[in-house]
C-alpha atoms as a PDB file:
ATOM      1  CA  MET A   1     134.970  99.512  82.789  1.00  0.00           C
ATOM      2  CA  THR A   2     137.804  98.298  84.983  1.00  0.00           C
ATOM      3  CA  GLY A   3     138.830  94.884  86.139  1.00  0.00           C
ATOM      4  CA  GLY A   4     137.504  93.159  83.017  1.00  0.00           C
ATOM      5  CA  ARG A   5     133.924  94.290  83.579  1.00  0.00           C
ATOM      6  CA  VAL A   6     131.893  94.524  80.356  1.00  0.00           C
ATOM      7  CA  PRO A   7     129.901  97.780  80.175  1.00  0.00           C
ATOM      8  CA  VAL A   8     126.873  96.295  78.344  1.00  0.00           C
ATOM      9  CA  VAL A   9     125.179  93.208  79.835  1.00  0.00           C
ATOM     10  CA  GLN A  10     121.779  91.612  79.232  1.00  0.00           C
ATOM     11  CA  ASP A  11     119.904  91.200  82.541  1.00  0.00           C
ATOM     12  CA  GLY A  12     116.655  89.393  81.794  1.00  0.00           C
ATOM     13  CA  PRO A  13     114.487  91.747  79.716  1.00  0.00           C
ATOM     14  CA  ASP A  14     116.717  94.716  80.617  1.00  0.00           C
ATOM     15  CA  VAL A  15     120.210  95.851  79.690  1.00  0.00           C
ATOM     16  CA  LEU A  16     122.727  97.069  82.264  1.00  0.00           C
ATOM     17  CA  LEU A  17     125.019  99.781  80.948  1.00  0.00           C
ATOM     18  CA  ALA A  18     128.112 100.813  82.927  1.00  0.00           C
ATOM     19  CA  VAL A  19     129.242 104.336  82.041  1.00  0.00           C
ATOM     20  CA  ARG A  20     131.567 107.025  83.289  1.00  0.00           C
ATOM     21  CA  VAL A  21     129.973 110.473  83.239  1.00  0.00           C
ATOM     22  CA  GLN A  22     132.089 113.590  82.827  1.00  0.00           C
ATOM     23  CA  PRO A  23     129.998 116.648  83.761  1.00  0.00           C
ATOM     24  CA  ARG A  24     130.784 120.245  82.774  1.00  0.00           C
ATOM     25  CA  ALA A  25     132.333 119.200  79.450  1.00  0.00           C
ATOM     26  CA  SER A  26     132.487 121.628  76.532  1.00  0.00           C
ATOM     27  CA  ARG A  27     129.885 119.564  74.623  1.00  0.00           C
ATOM     28  CA  ASN A  28     127.730 116.459  74.935  1.00  0.00           C
ATOM     29  CA  GLN A  29     129.663 113.520  73.543  1.00  0.00           C
ATOM     30  CA  LEU A  30     129.826 109.732  73.696  1.00  0.00           C
ATOM     31  CA  VAL A  31     133.357 108.307  73.866  1.00  0.00           C
ATOM     32  CA  ILE A  32     133.788 104.593  73.175  1.00  0.00           C
ATOM     33  CA  ALA A  33     137.155 103.097  74.126  1.00  0.00           C
ATOM     34  CA  GLY A  34     138.143  99.767  72.606  1.00  0.00           C
ATOM     35  CA  THR A  35     135.965  97.143  71.002  1.00  0.00           C
ATOM     36  CA  ARG A  36     136.001  93.469  71.777  1.00  0.00           C
ATOM     37  CA  PRO A  37     136.794  90.979  68.985  1.00  0.00           C
ATOM     38  CA  GLY A  38     133.842  89.822  66.888  1.00  0.00           C
ATOM     39  CA  GLY A  39     131.902  93.076  67.251  1.00  0.00           C
ATOM     40  CA  GLY A  40     131.279  92.590  70.941  1.00  0.00           C
ATOM     41  CA  SER A  41     130.800  95.082  73.713  1.00  0.00           C
ATOM     42  CA  PRO A  42     133.198  98.038  73.986  1.00  0.00           C
ATOM     43  CA  ASP A  43     135.719  98.156  76.835  1.00  0.00           C
ATOM     44  CA  CYS A  44     134.662 101.521  78.273  1.00  0.00           C
ATOM     45  CA  LEU A  45     131.883 104.063  77.710  1.00  0.00           C
ATOM     46  CA  THR A  46     132.313 107.692  78.729  1.00  0.00           C
ATOM     47  CA  ILE A  47     129.538 110.237  78.396  1.00  0.00           C
ATOM     48  CA  ARG A  48     130.678 113.853  78.414  1.00  0.00           C
ATOM     49  CA  LEU A  49     127.925 116.292  79.350  1.00  0.00           C
ATOM     50  CA  THR A  50     127.663 120.070  79.519  1.00  0.00           C
ATOM     51  CA  ALA A  51     125.379 119.796  82.567  1.00  0.00           C
ATOM     52  CA  PRO A  52     126.840 120.409  86.029  1.00  0.00           C
ATOM     53  CA  PRO A  53     126.758 117.665  88.688  1.00  0.00           C
ATOM     54  CA  VAL A  54     124.257 119.615  90.793  1.00  0.00           C
ATOM     55  CA  GLU A  55     120.859 118.398  92.037  1.00  0.00           C
ATOM     56  CA  GLY A  56     120.626 115.570  89.504  1.00  0.00           C
ATOM     57  CA  ALA A  57     121.193 117.782  86.442  1.00  0.00           C
ATOM     58  CA  ALA A  58     123.955 115.537  85.083  1.00  0.00           C
ATOM     59  CA  ASN A  59     121.847 112.401  85.641  1.00  0.00           C
ATOM     60  CA  ALA A  60     118.899 113.949  83.778  1.00  0.00           C
ATOM     61  CA  ALA A  61     121.181 115.094  80.953  1.00  0.00           C
ATOM     62  CA  CYS A  62     122.750 111.625  80.787  1.00  0.00           C
ATOM     63  CA  ARG A  63     119.342 109.954  80.499  1.00  0.00           C
ATOM     64  CA  ALA A  64     118.195 112.443  77.835  1.00  0.00           C
ATOM     65  CA  PHE A  65     121.425 112.076  75.844  1.00  0.00           C
ATOM     66  CA  LEU A  66     121.294 108.254  75.894  1.00  0.00           C
ATOM     67  CA  ALA A  67     117.576 108.234  75.054  1.00  0.00           C
ATOM     68  CA  ASP A  68     118.351 110.336  71.978  1.00  0.00           C
ATOM     69  CA  ILE A  69     121.205 108.044  70.894  1.00  0.00           C
ATOM     70  CA  LEU A  70     119.297 104.813  71.477  1.00  0.00           C
ATOM     71  CA  GLY A  71     115.934 106.046  70.195  1.00  0.00           C
ATOM     72  CA  ILE A  72     114.042 105.089  73.352  1.00  0.00           C
ATOM     73  CA  PRO A  73     112.018 107.145  75.867  1.00  0.00           C
ATOM     74  CA  GLN A  74     113.900 108.597  78.862  1.00  0.00           C
ATOM     75  CA  SER A  75     111.459 106.821  81.161  1.00  0.00           C
ATOM     76  CA  ARG A  76     113.054 103.483  80.156  1.00  0.00           C
ATOM     77  CA  ILE A  77     116.493 104.583  81.419  1.00  0.00           C
ATOM     78  CA  LEU A  78     117.033 104.309  85.178  1.00  0.00           C
ATOM     79  CA  VAL A  79     120.097 105.011  87.309  1.00  0.00           C
ATOM     80  CA  ASP A  80     120.508 101.651  89.044  1.00  0.00           C
ATOM     81  CA  ARG A  81     123.692 102.537  90.923  1.00  0.00           C
ATOM     82  CA  GLY A  82     125.904 105.620  91.257  1.00  0.00           C
ATOM     83  CA  GLU A  83     123.340 108.404  91.605  1.00  0.00           C
ATOM     84  CA  THR A  84     126.026 110.748  92.986  1.00  0.00           C
ATOM     85  CA  SER A  85     129.068 109.109  91.417  1.00  0.00           C
ATOM     86  CA  ARG A  86     130.771 109.603  88.060  1.00  0.00           C
ATOM     87  CA  HIS A  87     130.637 105.832  87.548  1.00  0.00           C
ATOM     88  CA  LYS A  88     127.042 104.790  86.993  1.00  0.00           C
ATOM     89  CA  LEU A  89     125.166 101.614  86.278  1.00  0.00           C
ATOM     90  CA  LEU A  90     122.172 102.397  84.091  1.00  0.00           C
ATOM     91  CA  ARG A  91     119.257 100.026  83.535  1.00  0.00           C
ATOM     92  CA  LEU A  92     117.612 100.153  80.118  1.00  0.00           C
ATOM     93  CA  ARG A  93     114.141  98.645  80.551  1.00  0.00           C
ATOM     94  CA  ASN A  94     112.957  96.155  77.897  1.00  0.00           C
ATOM     95  CA  ALA A  95     116.051  96.421  75.720  1.00  0.00           C
ATOM     96  CA  ASP A  96     118.338  94.080  73.814  1.00  0.00           C
ATOM     97  CA  ALA A  97     122.098  94.217  74.472  1.00  0.00           C
ATOM     98  CA  ALA A  98     123.045  93.522  70.848  1.00  0.00           C
ATOM     99  CA  SER A  99     120.888  96.376  69.532  1.00  0.00           C
ATOM    100  CA  VAL A 100     122.179  98.736  72.245  1.00  0.00           C
ATOM    101  CA  ILE A 101     125.796  97.943  71.296  1.00  0.00           C
ATOM    102  CA  ALA A 102     124.992  98.438  67.612  1.00  0.00           C
ATOM    103  CA  ARG A 103     123.338 101.827  68.243  1.00  0.00           C
ATOM    104  CA  LEU A 104     126.221 102.991  70.445  1.00  0.00           C
ATOM    105  CA  GLN A 105     128.807 102.018  67.850  1.00  0.00           C
ATOM    106  CA  GLN A 106     126.839 103.722  65.044  1.00  0.00           C
ATOM    107  CA  THR A 107     126.757 106.999  66.935  1.00  0.00           C
ATOM    108  CA  PRO A 108     128.748 109.625  65.051  1.00  0.00           C
ATOM    109  CA  ALA A 109     131.044 111.944  66.953  1.00  0.00           C
ATOM    110  CA  ARG A 110     128.992 114.921  68.126  1.00  0.00           C
END
């Protein structure tokens, strides 16, 4: 996201996904900024959500939104770091970084 950090990284059988969450947006939307040469990982991922940042509502909405985009169960998406922050590190259990990047980049504007 900043400082040259790649937002999608394979970590053993899991994928770590660094995102910025924008709660109370007008609609749920995935915003991908920049793409690395050769079809690599994007530079920054922002998830805009209609949910407010109250009592975990935005985290639950973020997990549900990503599960829908990636076609995986919500139970496989964990908030690894940033439970109360806009910048989060999500762990996608038993996932492949290349397929996650492909699904994110295929996502039409919503």
